[in-house]
N, C-alpha and C. Protein backbone atom coordinates (compact mmCIF):
# COMPACT_ATOMS: atom_id res chain seq x y z
N UNK A 1 0.71 -1.16 -0.05
CA UNK A 1 0.17 0.08 0.11
C UNK A 1 0.93 1.32 0.15
N UNK A 2 0.39 2.12 -0.77
CA UNK A 2 1.23 3.54 -0.87
C UNK A 2 0.79 4.20 0.55
N UNK A 3 1.98 4.73 1.12
CA UNK A 3 1.40 5.44 2.13
C UNK A 3 1.58 7.09 2.04
N UNK A 4 2.67 7.48 0.84
CA UNK A 4 3.08 8.65 0.53
C UNK A 4 3.30 9.13 -0.50
N UNK A 5 3.24 10.30 -1.40
CA UNK A 5 3.89 10.55 -2.70
C UNK A 5 4.36 11.74 -2.38
N UNK A 6 5.70 12.12 -2.88
CA UNK A 6 6.60 13.14 -2.90
C UNK A 6 7.34 13.35 -3.97
N UNK A 7 7.11 14.76 -4.62
CA UNK A 7 7.66 15.06 -5.65
C UNK A 7 8.80 15.64 -5.46
N UNK A 8 9.93 15.37 -6.39
CA UNK A 8 11.34 15.86 -6.16
C UNK A 8 11.52 16.63 -7.75
N UNK A 9 12.96 17.11 -7.52
CA UNK A 9 13.07 17.63 -8.90
C UNK A 9 13.46 16.75 -9.95
N UNK A 10 13.76 15.59 -9.74
CA UNK A 10 13.89 14.34 -10.61
C UNK A 10 12.97 13.51 -11.00
N UNK A 11 12.28 13.05 -9.93
CA UNK A 11 11.22 12.02 -10.00
C UNK A 11 10.26 12.27 -8.74
N UNK A 12 9.18 11.14 -9.21
CA UNK A 12 8.11 11.06 -7.91
C UNK A 12 8.57 9.63 -7.11
N UNK A 13 8.61 10.10 -5.67
CA UNK A 13 9.11 9.04 -4.75
C UNK A 13 7.76 8.33 -4.08
N UNK A 14 7.35 7.41 -4.25
CA UNK A 14 6.29 6.86 -3.56
C UNK A 14 6.74 6.20 -2.64
N UNK A 15 6.36 6.59 -1.41
CA UNK A 15 7.01 5.92 -0.30
C UNK A 15 6.21 4.33 -0.11
N UNK A 16 6.98 3.34 -0.05
CA UNK A 16 6.38 2.10 0.37
C UNK A 16 6.96 1.44 -1.20
N UNK A 17 7.15 1.93 -2.22
CA UNK A 17 7.56 1.48 -3.39
C UNK A 17 8.98 0.60 -3.53
N UNK A 18 9.60 1.12 -2.64
CA UNK A 18 10.94 0.17 -2.72
C UNK A 18 11.16 -0.59 -1.77
N UNK A 19 10.09 -1.28 -1.29
CA UNK A 19 10.33 -2.41 -0.45
C UNK A 19 11.25 -2.27 0.80
N UNK A 20 11.37 -0.97 1.03
CA UNK A 20 12.12 -0.75 2.45
C UNK A 20 13.57 -0.42 2.21
N UNK A 21 13.92 -0.64 0.71
CA UNK A 21 15.45 -0.69 0.54
C UNK A 21 15.98 0.77 0.74
N UNK A 22 15.37 1.97 0.79
CA UNK A 22 15.66 3.37 1.25
C UNK A 22 15.73 3.29 2.78
N UNK A 23 15.05 3.00 3.14
CA UNK A 23 15.04 2.72 4.89
C UNK A 23 16.36 2.03 5.32
N UNK A 24 16.48 0.73 4.74
CA UNK A 24 17.66 0.04 5.14
C UNK A 24 18.86 0.93 4.84
N UNK A 25 18.78 1.31 3.60
CA UNK A 25 20.25 2.24 3.53
C UNK A 25 20.53 3.45 4.44
N UNK A 26 19.39 3.84 4.70
CA UNK A 26 19.41 5.34 5.76
C UNK A 26 19.80 4.73 6.93
N UNK A 27 19.46 3.51 7.65
CA UNK A 27 19.91 2.88 8.85
C UNK A 27 21.46 2.54 8.71
N UNK A 28 21.78 2.08 7.62
CA UNK A 28 23.09 1.94 7.44
C UNK A 28 23.92 2.81 7.61
N UNK A 29 23.48 3.88 6.73
CA UNK A 29 24.23 5.22 6.95
C UNK A 29 24.32 5.89 8.10
N UNK A 30 22.95 5.85 9.02
CA UNK A 30 22.85 6.38 10.24
C UNK A 30 24.05 5.39 11.37
N UNK A 31 23.85 4.38 11.09
CA UNK A 31 24.96 3.61 11.79
C UNK A 31 26.41 3.80 11.77
N UNK A 32 27.00 4.23 10.61
CA UNK A 32 28.17 4.07 10.35
C UNK A 32 28.46 5.52 10.75
N UNK A 33 27.70 6.67 10.68
CA UNK A 33 27.78 7.93 10.98
C UNK A 33 28.11 7.66 12.51
N UNK A 34 27.49 7.10 13.28
CA UNK A 34 27.09 7.17 14.65
C UNK A 34 28.38 6.48 15.26
N UNK A 35 28.68 5.45 14.55
CA UNK A 35 29.76 4.62 15.05
C UNK A 35 31.17 5.29 15.20
N UNK A 36 30.94 6.66 14.26
CA UNK A 36 32.24 7.19 14.17
C UNK A 36 32.15 8.62 15.09
N UNK A 37 31.16 8.45 15.73
CA UNK A 37 30.93 9.68 16.66
C UNK A 37 30.45 11.08 16.05
N UNK A 38 29.83 11.08 14.79
CA UNK A 38 29.81 12.10 14.20
C UNK A 38 28.29 12.43 14.26
N UNK A 39 28.13 13.95 13.81
CA UNK A 39 26.91 14.45 13.83
C UNK A 39 26.38 14.41 12.25
N UNK A 40 25.11 14.38 11.69
CA UNK A 40 24.98 14.94 10.42
C UNK A 40 25.77 16.24 10.18
N UNK A 41 25.97 17.16 10.77
CA UNK A 41 26.73 18.28 10.14
C UNK A 41 28.11 17.82 9.95
N UNK A 42 28.74 16.83 10.98
CA UNK A 42 30.17 16.54 10.31
C UNK A 42 30.40 15.88 9.24
N UNK A 43 29.37 14.89 9.14
CA UNK A 43 29.25 13.92 7.85
C UNK A 43 28.73 14.95 6.67
N UNK A 44 27.99 15.50 6.85
CA UNK A 44 27.92 16.83 5.66
C UNK A 44 29.25 17.57 5.15
N UNK A 45 29.80 17.92 6.09
CA UNK A 45 31.13 18.82 5.94
C UNK A 45 31.94 17.69 5.23
N UNK A 46 32.44 16.76 5.85
CA UNK A 46 33.15 15.94 5.19
C UNK A 46 32.93 15.23 4.03
N UNK A 47 31.54 15.19 3.54
CA UNK A 47 31.05 14.58 2.15
C UNK A 47 31.05 15.68 1.15
N UNK A 48 30.95 16.93 1.90
CA UNK A 48 30.42 17.76 0.81
C UNK A 48 28.71 18.24 0.47
N UNK A 49 27.70 17.25 1.09
CA UNK A 49 26.61 17.29 1.21
C UNK A 49 26.05 18.28 2.23
N UNK A 50 24.89 18.95 1.98
CA UNK A 50 24.34 19.75 2.62
C UNK A 50 23.64 18.92 3.72
N UNK A 51 23.39 19.46 4.94
CA UNK A 51 22.79 18.56 6.27
C UNK A 51 21.49 17.95 5.76
N UNK A 52 20.60 18.66 5.08
CA UNK A 52 19.41 18.63 4.70
C UNK A 52 19.14 17.31 3.97
N UNK A 53 20.45 17.13 3.00
CA UNK A 53 20.74 15.92 2.19
C UNK A 53 20.63 14.54 3.16
N UNK A 54 21.82 14.76 3.93
CA UNK A 54 21.93 13.68 4.95
C UNK A 54 21.01 13.10 5.46
N UNK A 55 20.15 13.98 6.05
CA UNK A 55 18.97 14.01 6.81
C UNK A 55 17.87 13.06 5.92
N UNK A 56 17.52 13.39 4.65
CA UNK A 56 16.77 12.93 3.83
C UNK A 56 17.35 11.53 3.38
N UNK A 57 18.45 11.48 3.28
CA UNK A 57 19.04 9.86 3.06
C UNK A 57 18.74 8.84 4.16
N UNK A 58 19.13 9.47 5.58
CA UNK A 58 18.99 8.49 6.41
C UNK A 58 17.74 8.28 7.13
N UNK A 59 16.76 9.10 6.56
CA UNK A 59 15.37 8.76 6.86
C UNK A 59 14.53 7.95 5.74
N UNK A 60 15.52 7.86 4.69
CA UNK A 60 15.09 6.55 3.85
C UNK A 60 14.14 7.21 2.50
N UNK A 61 14.38 8.72 2.08
CA UNK A 61 13.69 9.42 1.38
C UNK A 61 14.31 9.31 0.15
N UNK A 62 15.05 8.33 -0.13
CA UNK A 62 15.81 7.74 -1.42
C UNK A 62 15.72 6.26 -1.68
N UNK A 63 15.32 5.54 -2.61
CA UNK A 63 15.22 4.26 -2.79
C UNK A 63 16.61 3.70 -3.83
N UNK A 64 17.08 4.79 -4.19
CA UNK A 64 18.41 4.29 -5.19
C UNK A 64 19.42 5.42 -5.36
N UNK A 65 20.19 5.74 -4.12
CA UNK A 65 21.13 6.72 -4.31
C UNK A 65 22.07 6.41 -5.40
N UNK A 66 22.52 7.54 -6.34
CA UNK A 66 23.44 7.49 -7.21
C UNK A 66 24.77 6.90 -6.66
N UNK A 67 25.25 6.34 -8.09
CA UNK A 67 26.85 5.89 -7.53
C UNK A 67 27.87 6.98 -6.90
N UNK A 68 27.81 7.96 -7.54
CA UNK A 68 28.32 9.16 -6.72
C UNK A 68 28.01 9.50 -5.46
N UNK A 69 26.92 9.53 -5.14
CA UNK A 69 26.60 9.85 -3.68
C UNK A 69 27.15 8.64 -3.07
N UNK A 70 27.07 7.65 -3.20
CA UNK A 70 27.77 6.31 -2.86
C UNK A 70 29.01 6.45 -2.19
N UNK A 71 29.88 6.77 -3.57
CA UNK A 71 31.49 7.19 -3.51
C UNK A 71 31.72 7.95 -2.46
N UNK A 72 31.02 9.46 -2.42
CA UNK A 72 31.39 10.41 -1.66
C UNK A 72 31.27 10.21 -0.29
N UNK A 73 30.12 9.33 0.20
CA UNK A 73 29.83 9.03 1.44
C UNK A 73 30.68 7.99 1.97
N UNK A 74 31.03 6.86 1.23
CA UNK A 74 32.38 5.79 1.54
C UNK A 74 33.53 6.81 1.82
N UNK A 75 33.83 7.46 0.94
CA UNK A 75 34.96 8.12 1.21
C UNK A 75 35.28 8.73 2.55
N UNK A 76 33.81 9.51 2.88
CA UNK A 76 34.06 10.47 3.99
C UNK A 76 34.04 9.57 5.31
N UNK A 77 33.31 8.48 5.23
CA UNK A 77 32.99 7.34 6.34
C UNK A 77 34.49 6.41 6.46
N UNK A 78 35.11 6.71 5.36
CA UNK A 78 36.16 5.34 5.40
C UNK A 78 35.88 4.27 5.51
N UNK A 79 34.64 3.84 4.47
CA UNK A 79 34.21 2.50 4.59
C UNK A 79 34.08 2.13 3.26
N UNK A 80 33.77 0.79 2.62
CA UNK A 80 33.47 0.12 1.27
C UNK A 80 31.95 0.91 0.84
N UNK A 81 31.80 1.15 -0.53
CA UNK A 81 30.37 1.20 -0.78
C UNK A 81 29.53 0.06 -0.57
N UNK A 82 30.52 -1.35 -0.46
CA UNK A 82 29.30 -2.23 -0.19
C UNK A 82 28.87 -2.13 1.24
N UNK A 83 29.47 -1.63 2.25
CA UNK A 83 28.82 -1.37 3.57
C UNK A 83 27.56 -0.38 3.56
N UNK A 84 27.55 0.42 2.46
CA UNK A 84 26.40 1.43 2.61
C UNK A 84 25.02 0.93 1.71
N UNK A 85 25.61 0.23 0.86
CA UNK A 85 24.86 -0.21 -0.49
C UNK A 85 24.15 -1.48 -0.34
């Protein structure tokens, strides 16, 4: 069942359509960030993203982050892309 529809600049995201992959990605990202003792602001600064983008990613508002996004986050966190994806 669809719980929400959100328009973005590139596509329409229907909450629930990804089978939870976005939420799982967000949980992994948050766990890796917290394991380093970082705030969202610190991860944003190290990765070059805005804090609002980090927040959206962690909350599962994307079901398919771009490869470039994964690379930047992995580099900032000092982990493999596989740990995020």
